[in-house]
């Protein structure tokens, strides 16, 4: 049996009795950082063989762990803090257990994003957890689109090195929606800062970022788009010739009536249920040529 054991995210008092008993009973412990886990085990008087298992060795080490289970050993998997399998390679070993027909069980414990969501004061009726925002802009784009449109509260993890960059990206896509920055959860310097992305950036300029963050973002307002508008927007996005021609004609009329081109594209686009960038792309044939000229 492989046990996925939740461990404290800061305060060692959050270690459960079941987690301690499980770690005492197994034959070996798989750890993200063996040095961190050695300290945890030592605190509770536990001595077990440690196996390094993390993102960059999971493909090699995973099958080795499965082999030990097949031989009748019991193992535990822990992460540096919180629940294994949440934004870490624990999910990989679970898949290997399923494929190999090996048993596994979860020993639940603290989880940073769940704790942060509750601390934030924002709605917890629906939560979208996205882990860490990729540093690569191209890879981050789909996730930012999800944040922009999600009506659920969104939770991210972020380091003190990237939190300013992430807040600037959020400032551009969600405007004045509420954000809670939960820092050093359950630790001595636990803190929650609340505000818009712009307000939080100002705070962090005065007090440089420290510690790990859970970023909790207010969900988007429910869409009020009526079925007819939604149908027109879909036709434009799929390139329906008649709808595209009608859209461009309406923009042209607005321009002829004295409206500036960029304003006409934005306003007519909104009436069709399009974002500003979508409207420009369709009016300009996708090459943004409409942005030149009467700006």
C-alpha atoms as a PDB file:
ATOM      1  CA  UNK A   1       0.000   0.000   0.000  1.00  0.00           C
ATOM      2  CA  UNK A   2       1.151   3.538  -0.766  1.00  0.00           C
ATOM      3  CA  UNK A   3      -0.168   6.239   1.554  1.00  0.00           C
ATOM      4  CA  UNK A   4      -0.348   9.863   0.364  1.00  0.00           C
ATOM      5  CA  UNK A   5       0.103  11.723   3.634  1.00  0.00           C
ATOM      6  CA  UNK A   6      -0.800  15.369   4.150  1.00  0.00           C
ATOM      7  CA  UNK A   7       1.713  17.314   6.262  1.00  0.00           C
ATOM      8  CA  UNK A   8       1.634  20.802   7.860  1.00  0.00           C
ATOM      9  CA  UNK A   9       1.966  23.866   5.641  1.00  0.00           C
ATOM     10  CA  UNK A  10       3.756  25.754   8.403  1.00  0.00           C
ATOM     11  CA  UNK A  11       2.534  25.016  11.898  1.00  0.00           C
ATOM     12  CA  UNK A  12       3.702  21.584  13.080  1.00  0.00           C
ATOM     13  CA  UNK A  13       0.714  21.472  15.413  1.00  0.00           C
ATOM     14  CA  UNK A  14      -1.427  20.751  12.344  1.00  0.00           C
ATOM     15  CA  UNK A  15       0.091  17.286  11.909  1.00  0.00           C
ATOM     16  CA  UNK A  16      -2.700  14.751  12.408  1.00  0.00           C
ATOM     17  CA  UNK A  17      -2.526  11.716  14.688  1.00  0.00           C
ATOM     18  CA  UNK A  18      -3.298   9.457  11.739  1.00  0.00           C
ATOM     19  CA  UNK A  19      -0.488  10.987   9.674  1.00  0.00           C
ATOM     20  CA  UNK A  20       2.019  10.333  12.484  1.00  0.00           C
ATOM     21  CA  UNK A  21       0.816   6.757  12.964  1.00  0.00           C
ATOM     22  CA  UNK A  22       0.980   6.087   9.224  1.00  0.00           C
ATOM     23  CA  UNK A  23       4.539   7.402   8.875  1.00  0.00           C
ATOM     24  CA  UNK A  24       5.618   5.283  11.836  1.00  0.00           C
ATOM     25  CA  UNK A  25       4.107   2.150  10.308  1.00  0.00           C
ATOM     26  CA  UNK A  26       5.392   2.250   6.696  1.00  0.00           C
ATOM     27  CA  UNK A  27       8.655   0.740   5.416  1.00  0.00           C
ATOM     28  CA  UNK A  28       9.842   3.835   3.534  1.00  0.00           C
ATOM     29  CA  UNK A  29       8.901   7.475   2.897  1.00  0.00           C
ATOM     30  CA  UNK A  30       9.050   9.221  -0.496  1.00  0.00           C
ATOM     31  CA  UNK A  31       9.779  12.912  -0.150  1.00  0.00           C
ATOM     32  CA  UNK A  32       9.980  15.967  -2.413  1.00  0.00           C
ATOM     33  CA  UNK A  33      12.957  17.284  -0.421  1.00  0.00           C
ATOM     34  CA  UNK A  34      14.444  14.625   1.870  1.00  0.00           C
ATOM     35  CA  UNK A  35      16.087  17.287   4.056  1.00  0.00           C
ATOM     36  CA  UNK A  36      12.757  18.947   4.819  1.00  0.00           C
ATOM     37  CA  UNK A  37      11.048  15.619   5.503  1.00  0.00           C
ATOM     38  CA  UNK A  38      13.943  14.399   7.669  1.00  0.00           C
ATOM     39  CA  UNK A  39      13.350  17.402   9.926  1.00  0.00           C
ATOM     40  CA  UNK A  40       9.621  16.702  10.080  1.00  0.00           C
ATOM     41  CA  UNK A  41      10.103  13.031  10.938  1.00  0.00           C
ATOM     42  CA  UNK A  42      12.729  13.853  13.536  1.00  0.00           C
ATOM     43  CA  UNK A  43      10.337  16.288  15.250  1.00  0.00           C
ATOM     44  CA  UNK A  44       7.872  13.424  15.766  1.00  0.00           C
ATOM     45  CA  UNK A  45      10.506  10.855  16.683  1.00  0.00           C
ATOM     46  CA  UNK A  46      10.170   8.898  13.425  1.00  0.00           C
ATOM     47  CA  UNK A  47      13.120   7.247  11.662  1.00  0.00           C
ATOM     48  CA  UNK A  48      12.463   5.793   8.207  1.00  0.00           C
ATOM     49  CA  UNK A  49      14.440   5.315   4.972  1.00  0.00           C
ATOM     50  CA  UNK A  50      13.829   8.315   2.695  1.00  0.00           C
ATOM     51  CA  UNK A  51      13.486   8.190  -1.084  1.00  0.00           C
ATOM     52  CA  UNK A  52      13.806  11.360  -3.156  1.00  0.00           C
ATOM     53  CA  UNK A  53      10.767  11.759  -5.423  1.00  0.00           C
ATOM     54  CA  UNK A  54      10.165  15.096  -7.150  1.00  0.00           C
ATOM     55  CA  UNK A  55       9.233  16.606 -10.524  1.00  0.00           C
ATOM     56  CA  UNK A  56      12.563  16.030 -12.261  1.00  0.00           C
ATOM     57  CA  UNK A  57      13.115  12.405 -11.229  1.00  0.00           C
ATOM     58  CA  UNK A  58       9.530  11.105 -11.148  1.00  0.00           C
ATOM     59  CA  UNK A  59       9.807   9.190 -14.449  1.00  0.00           C
ATOM     60  CA  UNK A  60      12.801   7.230 -13.158  1.00  0.00           C
ATOM     61  CA  UNK A  61      11.835   6.945  -9.491  1.00  0.00           C
ATOM     62  CA  UNK A  62       8.105   6.225  -9.945  1.00  0.00           C
ATOM     63  CA  UNK A  63       8.535   2.696 -11.370  1.00  0.00           C
ATOM     64  CA  UNK A  64      11.072   1.915  -8.617  1.00  0.00           C
ATOM     65  CA  UNK A  65       8.491   2.800  -5.976  1.00  0.00           C
ATOM     66  CA  UNK A  66       5.897   0.612  -7.713  1.00  0.00           C
ATOM     67  CA  UNK A  67       8.345  -2.313  -7.671  1.00  0.00           C
ATOM     68  CA  UNK A  68       8.772  -1.972  -3.924  1.00  0.00           C
ATOM     69  CA  UNK A  69       5.001  -2.028  -3.472  1.00  0.00           C
ATOM     70  CA  UNK A  70       4.775  -5.172  -5.615  1.00  0.00           C
ATOM     71  CA  UNK A  71       7.282  -6.841  -3.312  1.00  0.00           C
ATOM     72  CA  UNK A  72       4.954  -6.293  -0.382  1.00  0.00           C
ATOM     73  CA  UNK A  73       6.384  -3.120   1.168  1.00  0.00           C
ATOM     74  CA  UNK A  74       4.254  -0.245   2.424  1.00  0.00           C
ATOM     75  CA  UNK A  75       5.295   3.277   1.554  1.00  0.00           C
ATOM     76  CA  UNK A  76       4.241   6.864   2.220  1.00  0.00           C
ATOM     77  CA  UNK A  77       4.464   9.871  -0.067  1.00  0.00           C
ATOM     78  CA  UNK A  78       4.748  13.361   1.390  1.00  0.00           C
ATOM     79  CA  UNK A  79       5.383  16.776  -0.094  1.00  0.00           C
ATOM     80  CA  UNK A  80       7.380  19.590   1.521  1.00  0.00           C
ATOM     81  CA  UNK A  81       4.143  21.105   2.838  1.00  0.00           C
ATOM     82  CA  UNK A  82       0.481  20.238   2.426  1.00  0.00           C
ATOM     83  CA  UNK A  83      -1.195  17.553   0.358  1.00  0.00           C
ATOM     84  CA  UNK A  84       0.791  15.435  -2.083  1.00  0.00           C
ATOM     85  CA  UNK A  85      -0.858  15.387  -5.493  1.00  0.00           C
ATOM     86  CA  UNK A  86      -1.835  19.082  -5.337  1.00  0.00           C
ATOM     87  CA  UNK A  87       0.390  21.000  -7.776  1.00  0.00           C
ATOM     88  CA  UNK A  88       3.178  18.427  -7.369  1.00  0.00           C
ATOM     89  CA  UNK A  89       4.212  15.054  -8.895  1.00  0.00           C
ATOM     90  CA  UNK A  90       2.077  13.073  -6.447  1.00  0.00           C
ATOM     91  CA  UNK A  91      -0.577  12.809  -9.145  1.00  0.00           C
ATOM     92  CA  UNK A  92       1.932  10.916 -11.303  1.00  0.00           C
ATOM     93  CA  UNK A  93       2.499   8.164  -8.745  1.00  0.00           C
ATOM     94  CA  UNK A  94      -1.267   7.767  -8.270  1.00  0.00           C
ATOM     95  CA  UNK A  95      -1.617   7.090 -12.013  1.00  0.00           C
ATOM     96  CA  UNK A  96       1.214   4.552 -11.833  1.00  0.00           C
ATOM     97  CA  UNK A  97      -0.512   2.770  -8.933  1.00  0.00           C
ATOM     98  CA  UNK A  98      -3.761   2.581 -10.903  1.00  0.00           C
ATOM     99  CA  UNK A  99      -1.986   1.248 -14.011  1.00  0.00           C
ATOM    100  CA  UNK A 100      -0.062  -1.332 -11.974  1.00  0.00           C
ATOM    101  CA  UNK A 101      -3.072  -2.388  -9.899  1.00  0.00           C
ATOM    102  CA  UNK A 102      -1.323  -1.367  -6.668  1.00  0.00           C
ATOM    103  CA  UNK A 103      -3.318  -0.101  -3.703  1.00  0.00           C
ATOM    104  CA  UNK A 104      -3.042   3.453  -2.420  1.00  0.00           C
ATOM    105  CA  UNK A 105      -4.836   5.535   0.178  1.00  0.00           C
ATOM    106  CA  UNK A 106      -4.986   9.222   1.081  1.00  0.00           C
ATOM    107  CA  UNK A 107      -4.320  10.442   4.629  1.00  0.00           C
ATOM    108  CA  UNK A 108      -5.761  13.974   4.412  1.00  0.00           C
ATOM    109  CA  UNK A 109      -4.146  16.999   5.943  1.00  0.00           C
ATOM    110  CA  UNK A 110      -3.660  20.766   5.480  1.00  0.00           C
ATOM    111  CA  UNK A 111      -3.912  22.262   1.988  1.00  0.00           C
ATOM    112  CA  UNK A 112      -2.702  25.798   1.297  1.00  0.00           C
ATOM    113  CA  UNK A 113      -5.175  26.838  -1.404  1.00  0.00           C
ATOM    114  CA  UNK A 114      -8.196  25.589   0.562  1.00  0.00           C
ATOM    115  CA  UNK A 115      -6.994  27.419   3.673  1.00  0.00           C
ATOM    116  CA  UNK A 116      -6.287  30.558   1.630  1.00  0.00           C
ATOM    117  CA  UNK A 117      -9.711  30.510  -0.002  1.00  0.00           C
ATOM    118  CA  UNK A 118     -11.403  30.394   3.403  1.00  0.00           C
ATOM    119  CA  UNK A 119      -9.116  33.141   4.783  1.00  0.00           C
ATOM    120  CA  UNK A 120      -9.766  35.419   1.799  1.00  0.00           C
ATOM    121  CA  UNK A 121     -13.359  36.250   2.662  1.00  0.00           C
ATOM    122  CA  UNK A 122     -14.335  35.703  -0.981  1.00  0.00           C
ATOM    123  CA  UNK A 123     -16.970  33.233  -2.126  1.00  0.00           C
ATOM    124  CA  UNK A 124     -16.115  29.560  -1.618  1.00  0.00           C
ATOM    125  CA  UNK A 125     -19.263  28.170  -3.260  1.00  0.00           C
ATOM    126  CA  UNK A 126     -17.183  27.415  -6.385  1.00  0.00           C
ATOM    127  CA  UNK A 127     -13.377  27.411  -6.506  1.00  0.00           C
ATOM    128  CA  UNK A 128     -11.057  27.023  -9.504  1.00  0.00           C
ATOM    129  CA  UNK A 129      -7.510  26.035  -8.476  1.00  0.00           C
ATOM    130  CA  UNK A 130      -4.829  26.647 -11.123  1.00  0.00           C
ATOM    131  CA  UNK A 131      -1.570  26.054  -9.250  1.00  0.00           C
ATOM    132  CA  UNK A 132       1.391  28.207 -10.320  1.00  0.00           C
ATOM    133  CA  UNK A 133       1.023  30.635 -13.234  1.00  0.00           C
ATOM    134  CA  UNK A 134       3.637  29.657 -15.883  1.00  0.00           C
ATOM    135  CA  UNK A 135       6.435  32.194 -16.331  1.00  0.00           C
ATOM    136  CA  UNK A 136       6.326  31.750 -20.113  1.00  0.00           C
ATOM    137  CA  UNK A 137       3.804  34.252 -21.549  1.00  0.00           C
ATOM    138  CA  UNK A 138       2.537  31.860 -24.231  1.00  0.00           C
ATOM    139  CA  UNK A 139       1.950  29.102 -21.693  1.00  0.00           C
ATOM    140  CA  UNK A 140       0.342  31.511 -19.235  1.00  0.00           C
ATOM    141  CA  UNK A 141      -2.120  32.980 -21.774  1.00  0.00           C
ATOM    142  CA  UNK A 142      -4.774  30.195 -21.599  1.00  0.00           C
ATOM    143  CA  UNK A 143      -4.693  30.291 -17.798  1.00  0.00           C
ATOM    144  CA  UNK A 144      -5.121  34.068 -17.770  1.00  0.00           C
ATOM    145  CA  UNK A 145      -8.097  33.689 -20.109  1.00  0.00           C
ATOM    146  CA  UNK A 146      -9.641  31.246 -17.627  1.00  0.00           C
ATOM    147  CA  UNK A 147      -9.094  33.707 -14.776  1.00  0.00           C
ATOM    148  CA  UNK A 148     -10.671  36.505 -16.820  1.00  0.00           C
ATOM    149  CA  UNK A 149     -13.870  34.601 -17.580  1.00  0.00           C
ATOM    150  CA  UNK A 150     -14.283  32.289 -14.576  1.00  0.00           C
ATOM    151  CA  UNK A 151     -17.274  33.081 -12.389  1.00  0.00           C
ATOM    152  CA  UNK A 152     -15.753  30.861  -9.690  1.00  0.00           C
ATOM    153  CA  UNK A 153     -13.238  32.169  -7.175  1.00  0.00           C
ATOM    154  CA  UNK A 154      -9.761  31.415  -8.552  1.00  0.00           C
ATOM    155  CA  UNK A 155      -6.797  30.300  -6.431  1.00  0.00           C
ATOM    156  CA  UNK A 156      -3.142  30.451  -7.511  1.00  0.00           C
ATOM    157  CA  UNK A 157       0.153  29.681  -5.835  1.00  0.00           C
ATOM    158  CA  UNK A 158       2.943  32.223  -6.246  1.00  0.00           C
ATOM    159  CA  UNK A 159       6.487  32.790  -5.023  1.00  0.00           C
ATOM    160  CA  UNK A 160       7.796  36.111  -3.672  1.00  0.00           C
ATOM    161  CA  UNK A 161       9.979  36.353  -6.794  1.00  0.00           C
ATOM    162  CA  UNK A 162       7.056  36.323  -9.262  1.00  0.00           C
ATOM    163  CA  UNK A 163       4.170  37.838  -7.299  1.00  0.00           C
ATOM    164  CA  UNK A 164       4.662  41.372  -8.733  1.00  0.00           C
ATOM    165  CA  UNK A 165       4.705  40.031 -12.291  1.00  0.00           C
ATOM    166  CA  UNK A 166       1.546  38.020 -11.631  1.00  0.00           C
ATOM    167  CA  UNK A 167      -0.276  40.991 -10.114  1.00  0.00           C
ATOM    168  CA  UNK A 168       0.629  43.143 -13.138  1.00  0.00           C
ATOM    169  CA  UNK A 169      -0.794  40.469 -15.452  1.00  0.00           C
ATOM    170  CA  UNK A 170      -3.975  40.328 -13.356  1.00  0.00           C
ATOM    171  CA  UNK A 171      -4.236  44.126 -13.373  1.00  0.00           C
ATOM    172  CA  UNK A 172      -4.472  44.005 -17.174  1.00  0.00           C
ATOM    173  CA  UNK A 173      -7.190  41.349 -17.366  1.00  0.00           C
ATOM    174  CA  UNK A 174      -9.499  41.653 -14.335  1.00  0.00           C
ATOM    175  CA  UNK A 175      -9.461  45.381 -13.562  1.00  0.00           C
ATOM    176  CA  UNK A 176     -11.094  46.157 -10.222  1.00  0.00           C
ATOM    177  CA  UNK A 177     -12.037  42.656  -9.109  1.00  0.00           C
ATOM    178  CA  UNK A 178     -11.071  41.815  -5.528  1.00  0.00           C
ATOM    179  CA  UNK A 179      -7.910  39.868  -4.713  1.00  0.00           C
ATOM    180  CA  UNK A 180      -6.637  38.463  -1.418  1.00  0.00           C
ATOM    181  CA  UNK A 181      -2.935  37.710  -0.975  1.00  0.00           C
ATOM    182  CA  UNK A 182      -2.538  35.101   1.756  1.00  0.00           C
ATOM    183  CA  UNK A 183       1.072  34.944   2.902  1.00  0.00           C
ATOM    184  CA  UNK A 184       2.899  32.504   5.185  1.00  0.00           C
ATOM    185  CA  UNK A 185      -0.309  30.645   6.049  1.00  0.00           C
ATOM    186  CA  UNK A 186      -0.269  29.080   9.585  1.00  0.00           C
ATOM    187  CA  UNK A 187       3.229  30.495  10.218  1.00  0.00           C
ATOM    188  CA  UNK A 188       4.333  33.254  12.610  1.00  0.00           C
ATOM    189  CA  UNK A 189       4.048  36.010   9.983  1.00  0.00           C
ATOM    190  CA  UNK A 190       0.702  34.900   8.553  1.00  0.00           C
ATOM    191  CA  UNK A 191      -0.966  37.813   6.768  1.00  0.00           C
ATOM    192  CA  UNK A 192      -3.838  38.528   4.395  1.00  0.00           C
ATOM    193  CA  UNK A 193      -3.731  41.637   2.191  1.00  0.00           C
ATOM    194  CA  UNK A 194      -6.898  42.549   0.312  1.00  0.00           C
ATOM    195  CA  UNK A 195      -7.566  44.933  -2.567  1.00  0.00           C
ATOM    196  CA  UNK A 196      -7.474  45.260  -6.331  1.00  0.00           C
ATOM    197  CA  UNK A 197      -4.365  44.267  -8.277  1.00  0.00           C
ATOM    198  CA  UNK A 198      -3.348  47.947  -8.503  1.00  0.00           C
ATOM    199  CA  UNK A 199      -3.779  48.516  -4.772  1.00  0.00           C
ATOM    200  CA  UNK A 200      -1.820  45.390  -3.884  1.00  0.00           C
ATOM    201  CA  UNK A 201       1.011  46.360  -6.220  1.00  0.00           C
ATOM    202  CA  UNK A 202       1.296  49.680  -4.369  1.00  0.00           C
ATOM    203  CA  UNK A 203       1.430  47.864  -1.028  1.00  0.00           C
ATOM    204  CA  UNK A 204       4.154  45.511  -2.217  1.00  0.00           C
ATOM    205  CA  UNK A 205       6.221  48.384  -3.564  1.00  0.00           C
ATOM    206  CA  UNK A 206       6.265  49.803  -0.029  1.00  0.00           C
ATOM    207  CA  UNK A 207       6.811  46.403   1.617  1.00  0.00           C
ATOM    208  CA  UNK A 208       8.792  44.007  -0.628  1.00  0.00           C
ATOM    209  CA  UNK A 209       7.277  40.515  -1.068  1.00  0.00           C
ATOM    210  CA  UNK A 210       8.330  37.827   1.391  1.00  0.00           C
ATOM    211  CA  UNK A 211       7.209  34.237   1.826  1.00  0.00           C
ATOM    212  CA  UNK A 212       4.974  32.047  -0.270  1.00  0.00           C
ATOM    213  CA  UNK A 213       1.574  33.314  -1.429  1.00  0.00           C
ATOM    214  CA  UNK A 214      -1.860  31.936  -2.125  1.00  0.00           C
ATOM    215  CA  UNK A 215      -3.522  34.392  -4.525  1.00  0.00           C
ATOM    216  CA  UNK A 216      -7.324  34.312  -4.258  1.00  0.00           C
ATOM    217  CA  UNK A 217      -9.195  36.130  -7.028  1.00  0.00           C
ATOM    218  CA  UNK A 218     -12.837  37.167  -7.074  1.00  0.00           C
ATOM    219  CA  UNK A 219     -14.832  35.486  -9.832  1.00  0.00           C
ATOM    220  CA  UNK A 220     -16.170  37.391 -12.830  1.00  0.00           C
ATOM    221  CA  UNK A 221     -19.682  38.789 -12.701  1.00  0.00           C
ATOM    222  CA  UNK A 222     -22.267  36.403 -14.186  1.00  0.00           C
ATOM    223  CA  UNK A 223     -22.672  36.910 -17.903  1.00  0.00           C
ATOM    224  CA  UNK A 224     -25.761  38.855 -18.900  1.00  0.00           C
ATOM    225  CA  UNK A 225     -25.397  38.062 -22.578  1.00  0.00           C
ATOM    226  CA  UNK A 226     -28.750  37.194 -24.140  1.00  0.00           C
ATOM    227  CA  UNK A 227     -29.110  34.194 -26.479  1.00  0.00           C
ATOM    228  CA  UNK A 228     -29.434  36.394 -29.584  1.00  0.00           C
ATOM    229  CA  UNK A 229     -26.205  38.267 -28.817  1.00  0.00           C
ATOM    230  CA  UNK A 230     -24.440  34.995 -28.031  1.00  0.00           C
ATOM    231  CA  UNK A 231     -25.553  33.606 -31.400  1.00  0.00           C
ATOM    232  CA  UNK A 232     -24.250  36.684 -33.263  1.00  0.00           C
ATOM    233  CA  UNK A 233     -20.923  36.511 -31.442  1.00  0.00           C
ATOM    234  CA  UNK A 234     -20.540  32.834 -32.292  1.00  0.00           C
ATOM    235  CA  UNK A 235     -21.260  33.506 -35.966  1.00  0.00           C
ATOM    236  CA  UNK A 236     -18.609  36.230 -36.037  1.00  0.00           C
ATOM    237  CA  UNK A 237     -16.050  34.017 -34.322  1.00  0.00           C
ATOM    238  CA  UNK A 238     -16.660  31.211 -36.797  1.00  0.00           C
ATOM    239  CA  UNK A 239     -16.419  33.576 -39.780  1.00  0.00           C
ATOM    240  CA  UNK A 240     -20.040  33.548 -40.979  1.00  0.00           C
ATOM    241  CA  UNK A 241     -19.779  35.753 -44.079  1.00  0.00           C
ATOM    242  CA  UNK A 242     -23.153  37.527 -43.776  1.00  0.00           C
ATOM    243  CA  UNK A 243     -22.694  38.329 -40.092  1.00  0.00           C
ATOM    244  CA  UNK A 244     -19.111  39.540 -40.603  1.00  0.00           C
ATOM    245  CA  UNK A 245     -20.213  41.751 -43.537  1.00  0.00           C
ATOM    246  CA  UNK A 246     -23.066  43.202 -41.430  1.00  0.00           C
ATOM    247  CA  UNK A 247     -20.701  43.883 -38.536  1.00  0.00           C
ATOM    248  CA  UNK A 248     -18.174  45.669 -40.757  1.00  0.00           C
ATOM    249  CA  UNK A 249     -20.938  47.710 -42.404  1.00  0.00           C
ATOM    250  CA  UNK A 250     -22.231  48.865 -38.999  1.00  0.00           C
ATOM    251  CA  UNK A 251     -18.720  49.902 -37.974  1.00  0.00           C
ATOM    252  CA  UNK A 252     -18.303  51.804 -41.263  1.00  0.00           C
ATOM    253  CA  UNK A 253     -21.590  53.649 -40.717  1.00  0.00           C
ATOM    254  CA  UNK A 254     -20.543  54.655 -37.213  1.00  0.00           C
ATOM    255  CA  UNK A 255     -17.252  55.998 -38.579  1.00  0.00           C
ATOM    256  CA  UNK A 256     -19.079  57.876 -41.363  1.00  0.00           C
ATOM    257  CA  UNK A 257     -21.264  59.431 -38.652  1.00  0.00           C
ATOM    258  CA  UNK A 258     -18.197  60.920 -36.968  1.00  0.00           C
ATOM    259  CA  UNK A 259     -17.133  58.231 -34.485  1.00  0.00           C
ATOM    260  CA  UNK A 260     -13.416  57.478 -34.285  1.00  0.00           C
ATOM    261  CA  UNK A 261     -12.465  54.133 -35.751  1.00  0.00           C
ATOM    262  CA  UNK A 262     -11.196  52.503 -32.553  1.00  0.00           C
ATOM    263  CA  UNK A 263     -14.284  53.626 -30.639  1.00  0.00           C
ATOM    264  CA  UNK A 264     -16.616  52.411 -33.395  1.00  0.00           C
ATOM    265  CA  UNK A 265     -14.993  48.977 -33.476  1.00  0.00           C
ATOM    266  CA  UNK A 266     -15.176  48.675 -29.691  1.00  0.00           C
ATOM    267  CA  UNK A 267     -18.793  49.848 -29.356  1.00  0.00           C
ATOM    268  CA  UNK A 268     -20.217  47.845 -32.279  1.00  0.00           C
ATOM    269  CA  UNK A 269     -18.156  44.850 -31.206  1.00  0.00           C
ATOM    270  CA  UNK A 270     -19.633  45.021 -27.706  1.00  0.00           C
ATOM    271  CA  UNK A 271     -23.144  45.011 -29.182  1.00  0.00           C
ATOM    272  CA  UNK A 272     -22.213  41.734 -30.885  1.00  0.00           C
ATOM    273  CA  UNK A 273     -20.854  40.262 -27.663  1.00  0.00           C
ATOM    274  CA  UNK A 274     -17.190  40.615 -28.659  1.00  0.00           C
ATOM    275  CA  UNK A 275     -14.206  41.718 -26.621  1.00  0.00           C
ATOM    276  CA  UNK A 276     -12.232  44.725 -27.894  1.00  0.00           C
ATOM    277  CA  UNK A 277      -9.434  42.530 -29.308  1.00  0.00           C
ATOM    278  CA  UNK A 278     -11.903  40.160 -30.998  1.00  0.00           C
ATOM    279  CA  UNK A 279     -13.699  43.087 -32.624  1.00  0.00           C
ATOM    280  CA  UNK A 280     -10.433  44.527 -33.978  1.00  0.00           C
ATOM    281  CA  UNK A 281      -9.389  41.148 -35.335  1.00  0.00           C
ATOM    282  CA  UNK A 282     -12.659  40.615 -37.200  1.00  0.00           C
ATOM    283  CA  UNK A 283     -13.020  44.176 -38.480  1.00  0.00           C
ATOM    284  CA  UNK A 284      -9.413  44.279 -39.652  1.00  0.00           C
ATOM    285  CA  UNK A 285      -9.502  40.822 -41.210  1.00  0.00           C
ATOM    286  CA  UNK A 286      -7.287  39.473 -38.441  1.00  0.00           C
ATOM    287  CA  UNK A 287      -4.259  41.633 -39.295  1.00  0.00           C
ATOM    288  CA  UNK A 288      -5.112  44.527 -36.920  1.00  0.00           C
ATOM    289  CA  UNK A 289      -4.999  46.905 -39.885  1.00  0.00           C
ATOM    290  CA  UNK A 290      -8.105  48.604 -38.532  1.00  0.00           C
ATOM    291  CA  UNK A 291      -6.089  49.980 -35.647  1.00  0.00           C
ATOM    292  CA  UNK A 292      -4.143  52.318 -37.901  1.00  0.00           C
ATOM    293  CA  UNK A 293      -5.468  55.631 -39.124  1.00  0.00           C
ATOM    294  CA  UNK A 294      -8.316  57.355 -37.271  1.00  0.00           C
ATOM    295  CA  UNK A 295      -7.157  56.504 -33.741  1.00  0.00           C
END
